Amino acid sequence: MTEDVPGEDGRDEDYRGEATIETGELSVTVAVRLSAHFEPIEGRYRWAGRAAPDDTLTARLRAGLREATVRIGGSPARARLGEPDPWGGVRLTGTGRPPWHATPAG
C-alpha cells in the first residue's frame, strides 16, 4: 500500500510503501515511511524517514555501513543510514530529489 500526500508543487511530500535499499552487492526491499520538504533558501529537498526492521540491513549497519541508494519505482536517491532504533528500524536521510519523485522528463 502506498500513501502519497501532494505538496504545493503537485509532488508528493510523504511516501509510505516499499523501497529497495542498495549498498554494493546488498539489495534489501523493506517497508518505509518517508517525508520530504523543499528548503527554498538552499534550493533543494531534504527528506527523511524510517525503514522497517530487517536483520540483514541491521547487521550491515553494525558492521559500519552508512551510505546507500534508496530506490522506489525505479527512481534512485542517495541516502545516509542511521543507527537502528530499539525496534530494529533504520533512519534514512537524504538531500536532493526524493526517491519517490520521478526523474523529470527531457
Protein backbone atom coordinates (compact mmCIF):
# COMPACT_ATOMS: atom_id res chain seq x y z
CA MET A 1 0.00 0.00 0.00
CA THR A 2 1.31 3.42 -0.92
CA GLU A 3 0.05 6.66 0.57
CA ASP A 4 1.08 9.93 -1.04
CA VAL A 5 0.37 13.48 0.15
CA PRO A 6 0.63 16.16 -2.55
CA GLY A 7 2.72 19.27 -1.90
CA GLU A 8 2.27 22.77 -3.29
CA ASP A 9 4.17 21.92 -6.46
CA GLY A 10 1.99 18.86 -7.08
CA ARG A 11 4.68 16.44 -5.95
CA ASP A 12 4.09 14.06 -3.09
CA GLU A 13 5.72 15.16 0.17
CA ASP A 14 5.13 11.87 2.00
CA TYR A 15 5.59 8.26 0.95
CA ARG A 16 4.62 5.05 2.69
CA GLY A 17 5.28 1.75 0.92
CA GLU A 18 8.09 -0.48 -0.27
CA ALA A 19 11.58 0.67 -1.15
CA THR A 20 14.77 -1.13 -2.12
CA ILE A 21 17.89 -0.19 -0.19
CA GLU A 22 21.04 -0.92 -2.20
CA THR A 23 24.61 -0.97 -0.93
CA GLY A 24 27.05 -2.52 -3.36
CA GLU A 25 26.08 -6.17 -3.64
CA LEU A 26 23.34 -5.96 -0.98
CA SER A 27 19.78 -5.21 -2.08
CA VAL A 28 17.00 -5.32 0.52
CA THR A 29 13.33 -4.49 -0.06
CA VAL A 30 11.64 -3.11 3.05
CA ALA A 31 8.62 -1.05 4.05
CA VAL A 32 9.45 2.64 4.56
CA ARG A 33 7.78 5.84 5.76
CA LEU A 34 9.42 8.95 4.32
CA SER A 35 8.69 12.68 4.24
CA ALA A 36 10.25 15.49 2.21
CA HIS A 37 10.23 19.25 2.31
CA PHE A 38 11.70 21.84 0.00
CA GLU A 39 14.25 24.24 1.52
CA PRO A 40 13.79 27.46 -0.51
CA ILE A 41 16.98 29.11 0.79
CA GLU A 42 19.07 26.07 -0.17
CA GLY A 43 17.05 25.43 -3.32
CA ARG A 44 16.77 21.69 -2.70
CA TYR A 45 14.74 19.00 -0.98
CA ARG A 46 15.57 17.37 2.31
CA TRP A 47 13.91 14.06 3.06
CA ALA A 48 13.99 11.56 5.90
CA GLY A 49 12.14 8.69 7.49
CA ARG A 50 12.44 5.11 8.66
CA ALA A 51 12.85 1.68 7.14
CA ALA A 52 11.12 -1.27 8.80
CA PRO A 53 13.33 -3.71 10.72
CA ASP A 54 15.44 -6.02 8.56
CA ASP A 55 18.07 -8.34 10.07
CA THR A 56 20.40 -8.19 7.05
CA LEU A 57 20.37 -4.39 6.92
CA THR A 58 20.85 -4.11 10.69
CA ALA A 59 23.85 -6.46 10.57
CA ARG A 60 25.45 -4.37 7.80
CA LEU A 61 24.85 -1.17 9.77
CA ARG A 62 26.51 -2.62 12.83
CA ALA A 63 29.47 -3.52 10.59
CA GLY A 64 29.86 0.15 9.61
CA LEU A 65 27.60 0.66 6.58
CA ARG A 66 26.35 4.28 6.39
CA GLU A 67 25.77 5.18 2.70
CA ALA A 68 23.17 3.58 0.42
CA THR A 69 20.87 4.14 -2.51
CA VAL A 70 17.12 4.11 -1.85
CA ARG A 71 15.12 3.08 -4.91
CA ILE A 72 11.36 3.48 -5.23
CA GLY A 73 9.70 2.54 -8.51
CA GLY A 74 12.97 2.70 -10.43
CA SER A 75 13.83 6.17 -9.12
CA PRO A 76 17.08 6.16 -7.05
CA ALA A 77 18.36 8.63 -4.46
CA ARG A 78 21.48 8.60 -2.27
CA ALA A 79 20.81 8.26 1.45
CA ARG A 80 22.60 8.24 4.76
CA LEU A 81 21.68 5.41 7.16
CA GLY A 82 21.42 5.98 10.90
CA GLU A 83 21.77 3.55 13.78
CA PRO A 84 18.96 1.02 14.24
CA ASP A 85 16.30 2.14 16.72
CA PRO A 86 15.29 -0.11 19.67
CA TRP A 87 12.76 -1.90 17.43
CA GLY A 88 15.29 -2.55 14.63
CA GLY A 89 14.11 0.17 12.22
CA VAL A 90 16.71 2.23 10.37
CA ARG A 91 16.69 6.03 9.98
CA LEU A 92 17.14 7.25 6.38
CA THR A 93 18.09 10.82 5.42
CA GLY A 94 18.83 12.43 2.09
CA THR A 95 19.12 15.71 0.22
CA GLY A 96 18.01 16.40 -3.32
CA ARG A 97 15.17 14.80 -5.24
CA PRO A 98 13.38 12.23 -3.04
CA PRO A 99 13.31 8.68 -4.44
CA TRP A 100 9.52 8.71 -4.88
CA HIS A 101 9.67 11.76 -7.17
CA ALA A 102 10.00 10.62 -10.77
CA THR A 103 13.02 11.86 -12.70
CA PRO A 104 11.93 14.85 -14.82
CA ALA A 105 11.40 14.01 -18.50
CA GLY A 106 13.59 15.58 -21.14
